[in-house]
Amino acid sequence: MLVVIDAQNDTFDKRGTNYAEWSEVIEEGISRRIDQAIDNDEPIIYTKNLYPDFEHGERSAESIRFDEAVYPVFYDRLEKYGDEYTKNFYGIPPEEARKIYENYKDKVKTNQMIEFVGVETNICVLANIMVIQNIFPEAMITVNKNLVAASSDDLHDKTLEILANMNVFISE
């Protein structure tokens, strides 16, 4: 199973509010990994971060809609082959977690690999790994360190170290 975290205009498009150059570094690798999942008929889950109401007072609805949209490079494949789960903060909320459990409990067996890719390592990737790890404690959770990124290299590295100590396999 592949879990794609927040592949949205917000961080991947140069016009996005939180765009960072590191997103360009992981974009092609994430695209290849999505294609691999499609070719292997692997389940794909993706998160979509929706901005909370307080953000609407700080910027335009148009800006928020743009940032919330899935980045066009990923959109067609995720829309066609993936299952979208929305969140308003860092991690998938309980009602969405229950849906994931119900939709995938029969597909996720002991030692089933669940790989995470996306942004930001130290915030949303970390938070959603914790959610999925609690839903499927017997699964082998994996993060490809070359397919996740953070605005801080230091926090990225520290988060990978923390995840490794939480029985998450870090791959390249």
Protein backbone atom coordinates (compact mmCIF):
# COMPACT_ATOMS: atom_id res chain seq x y z
CA MET A 1 0.00 0.00 0.00
CA LEU A 2 1.19 3.50 -0.81
CA VAL A 3 0.22 6.53 1.26
CA VAL A 4 0.85 9.90 -0.42
CA ILE A 5 0.80 12.80 2.03
CA ASP A 6 -0.32 16.27 0.92
CA ALA A 7 0.78 16.26 -2.74
CA GLN A 8 -0.86 19.64 -3.20
CA ASN A 9 -0.20 22.95 -4.90
CA ASP A 10 0.54 24.43 -1.48
CA THR A 11 4.04 22.92 -1.40
CA PHE A 12 4.68 21.65 -4.94
CA ASP A 13 3.63 24.65 -7.06
CA LYS A 14 5.84 27.74 -7.16
CA ARG A 15 2.71 29.83 -6.58
CA GLY A 16 1.77 27.84 -3.46
CA THR A 17 1.77 29.49 -0.07
CA ASN A 18 4.30 27.03 1.39
CA TYR A 19 6.26 26.21 -1.76
CA ALA A 20 9.83 25.14 -1.18
CA GLU A 21 12.54 24.11 -3.62
CA TRP A 22 12.92 20.68 -1.98
CA SER A 23 9.54 19.72 -3.44
CA GLU A 24 11.16 19.75 -6.89
CA VAL A 25 13.72 17.22 -5.64
CA ILE A 26 11.11 14.64 -4.62
CA GLU A 27 8.44 15.31 -7.30
CA GLU A 28 9.80 12.95 -9.96
CA GLY A 29 10.47 10.16 -7.46
CA ILE A 30 6.96 10.40 -6.05
CA SER A 31 5.57 10.27 -9.60
CA ARG A 32 7.57 7.11 -10.32
CA ARG A 33 6.45 5.53 -7.04
CA ILE A 34 2.78 6.27 -7.82
CA ASP A 35 3.24 4.71 -11.27
CA GLN A 36 4.85 1.64 -9.68
CA ALA A 37 1.90 1.29 -7.29
CA ILE A 38 -0.53 1.53 -10.21
CA ASP A 39 1.43 -1.03 -12.26
CA ASN A 40 1.49 -3.43 -9.29
CA ASP A 41 -2.21 -2.89 -8.49
CA GLU A 42 -1.18 -1.65 -5.06
CA PRO A 43 -3.77 0.26 -3.04
CA ILE A 44 -3.08 4.01 -2.95
CA ILE A 45 -4.31 6.34 -0.23
CA TYR A 46 -3.67 10.07 -0.40
CA THR A 47 -4.33 12.86 2.02
CA LYS A 48 -5.66 16.25 1.13
CA ASN A 49 -5.09 19.01 3.63
CA LEU A 50 -8.05 21.38 3.87
CA TYR A 51 -7.36 24.67 5.57
CA PRO A 52 -9.26 25.36 8.80
CA ASP A 53 -11.76 28.19 9.04
CA PHE A 54 -9.38 30.60 10.75
CA GLU A 55 -7.20 30.60 7.61
CA HIS A 56 -10.11 31.99 5.62
CA GLY A 57 -9.87 35.26 7.52
CA GLU A 58 -6.18 35.63 6.71
CA ARG A 59 -6.23 35.13 2.93
CA SER A 60 -8.52 34.85 -0.04
CA ALA A 61 -10.76 31.89 -0.80
CA GLU A 62 -9.10 31.69 -4.23
CA SER A 63 -5.65 31.32 -2.63
CA ILE A 64 -6.91 28.62 -0.30
CA ARG A 65 -8.66 26.69 -3.11
CA PHE A 66 -5.46 26.82 -5.15
CA ASP A 67 -3.29 25.56 -2.28
CA GLU A 68 -5.74 22.77 -1.40
CA ALA A 69 -5.83 21.36 -4.95
CA VAL A 70 -3.80 18.27 -5.72
CA TYR A 71 -0.72 19.26 -7.71
CA PRO A 72 -1.42 18.62 -11.42
CA VAL A 73 1.58 16.29 -11.87
CA PHE A 74 -0.09 13.85 -9.43
CA TYR A 75 -3.77 14.70 -9.87
CA ASP A 76 -4.91 12.37 -12.69
CA ARG A 77 -3.25 9.28 -11.24
CA LEU A 78 -4.33 9.90 -7.66
CA GLU A 79 -7.88 10.81 -8.70
CA LYS A 80 -8.23 7.66 -10.83
CA TYR A 81 -6.32 5.11 -8.75
CA GLY A 82 -6.22 6.50 -5.21
CA ASP A 83 -8.60 6.99 -2.33
CA GLU A 84 -8.68 10.53 -0.93
CA TYR A 85 -8.87 11.20 2.80
CA THR A 86 -9.18 14.78 4.00
CA LYS A 87 -7.76 16.42 7.09
CA ASN A 88 -7.79 19.92 8.55
CA PHE A 89 -4.67 19.65 10.61
CA TYR A 90 -1.67 17.37 10.69
CA GLY A 91 -3.13 13.89 10.95
CA ILE A 92 -6.09 12.08 9.50
CA PRO A 93 -9.03 12.64 11.89
CA PRO A 94 -10.75 9.71 13.66
CA GLU A 95 -13.72 9.51 11.26
CA GLU A 96 -11.38 9.26 8.26
CA ALA A 97 -9.18 6.75 10.11
CA ARG A 98 -12.24 4.55 10.67
CA LYS A 99 -12.99 4.69 6.93
CA ILE A 100 -9.42 3.65 6.12
CA TYR A 101 -9.67 0.76 8.55
CA GLU A 102 -12.99 -0.43 7.11
CA ASN A 103 -11.83 -0.03 3.50
CA TYR A 104 -8.46 -1.76 3.93
CA LYS A 105 -8.66 -4.12 6.92
CA ASP A 106 -8.96 -7.18 4.67
CA LYS A 107 -6.12 -6.04 2.39
CA VAL A 108 -3.65 -5.22 5.15
CA LYS A 109 -2.35 -8.45 6.56
CA THR A 110 0.45 -9.15 9.00
CA ASN A 111 3.70 -7.76 7.57
CA GLN A 112 1.90 -5.95 4.78
CA MET A 113 4.10 -3.04 3.74
CA ILE A 114 2.62 0.45 3.89
CA GLU A 115 4.96 3.03 2.36
CA PHE A 116 4.70 6.77 2.99
CA VAL A 117 5.80 9.53 0.60
CA GLY A 118 5.09 13.27 0.61
CA VAL A 119 5.49 16.35 2.76
CA GLU A 120 6.43 17.51 5.39
CA THR A 121 8.45 14.79 7.06
CA ASN A 122 8.38 16.34 10.53
CA ILE A 123 4.73 17.37 10.49
CA CYS A 124 2.12 15.63 8.31
CA VAL A 125 4.15 12.58 7.33
CA LEU A 126 5.00 11.90 10.98
CA ALA A 127 1.44 12.53 12.18
CA ASN A 128 -0.14 10.29 9.56
CA ILE A 129 2.33 7.48 10.11
CA MET A 130 1.23 7.47 13.75
CA VAL A 131 -2.44 7.29 12.71
CA ILE A 132 -1.90 4.45 10.22
CA GLN A 133 0.45 2.59 12.55
CA ASN A 134 -2.30 2.61 15.18
CA ILE A 135 -4.92 1.44 12.67
CA PHE A 136 -2.73 -1.37 11.33
CA PRO A 137 -0.20 -2.20 14.08
CA GLU A 138 0.91 -5.42 12.39
CA ALA A 139 1.82 -3.74 9.10
CA MET A 140 5.40 -2.91 8.18
CA ILE A 141 5.43 0.89 7.92
CA THR A 142 8.09 2.22 5.56
CA VAL A 143 9.35 5.67 4.59
CA ASN A 144 11.60 6.22 1.61
CA LYS A 145 13.80 9.03 2.88
CA ASN A 146 14.28 10.27 -0.69
CA LEU A 147 10.52 10.66 -1.26
CA VAL A 148 9.69 12.76 1.79
CA ALA A 149 10.92 16.24 2.56
CA ALA A 150 10.71 19.06 5.06
CA SER A 151 11.50 22.74 5.00
CA SER A 152 14.22 22.02 7.57
CA ASP A 153 16.88 19.42 6.75
CA ASP A 154 17.66 19.11 10.45
CA LEU A 155 14.03 18.35 11.38
CA HIS A 156 13.74 15.97 8.41
CA ASP A 157 16.75 13.96 9.63
CA LYS A 158 15.65 14.02 13.28
CA THR A 159 12.16 12.87 12.34
CA LEU A 160 13.54 9.94 10.33
CA GLU A 161 15.64 9.00 13.36
CA ILE A 162 12.59 9.15 15.63
CA LEU A 163 10.53 7.10 13.17
CA ALA A 164 13.26 4.46 12.99
CA ASN A 165 13.03 4.17 16.79
CA MET A 166 9.28 3.63 16.45
CA ASN A 167 9.68 0.52 14.28
CA VAL A 168 9.29 2.39 10.99
CA PHE A 169 11.63 1.07 8.31
CA ILE A 170 13.58 3.88 6.60
CA SER A 171 14.55 3.01 3.03
CA GLU A 172 16.30 4.72 0.11
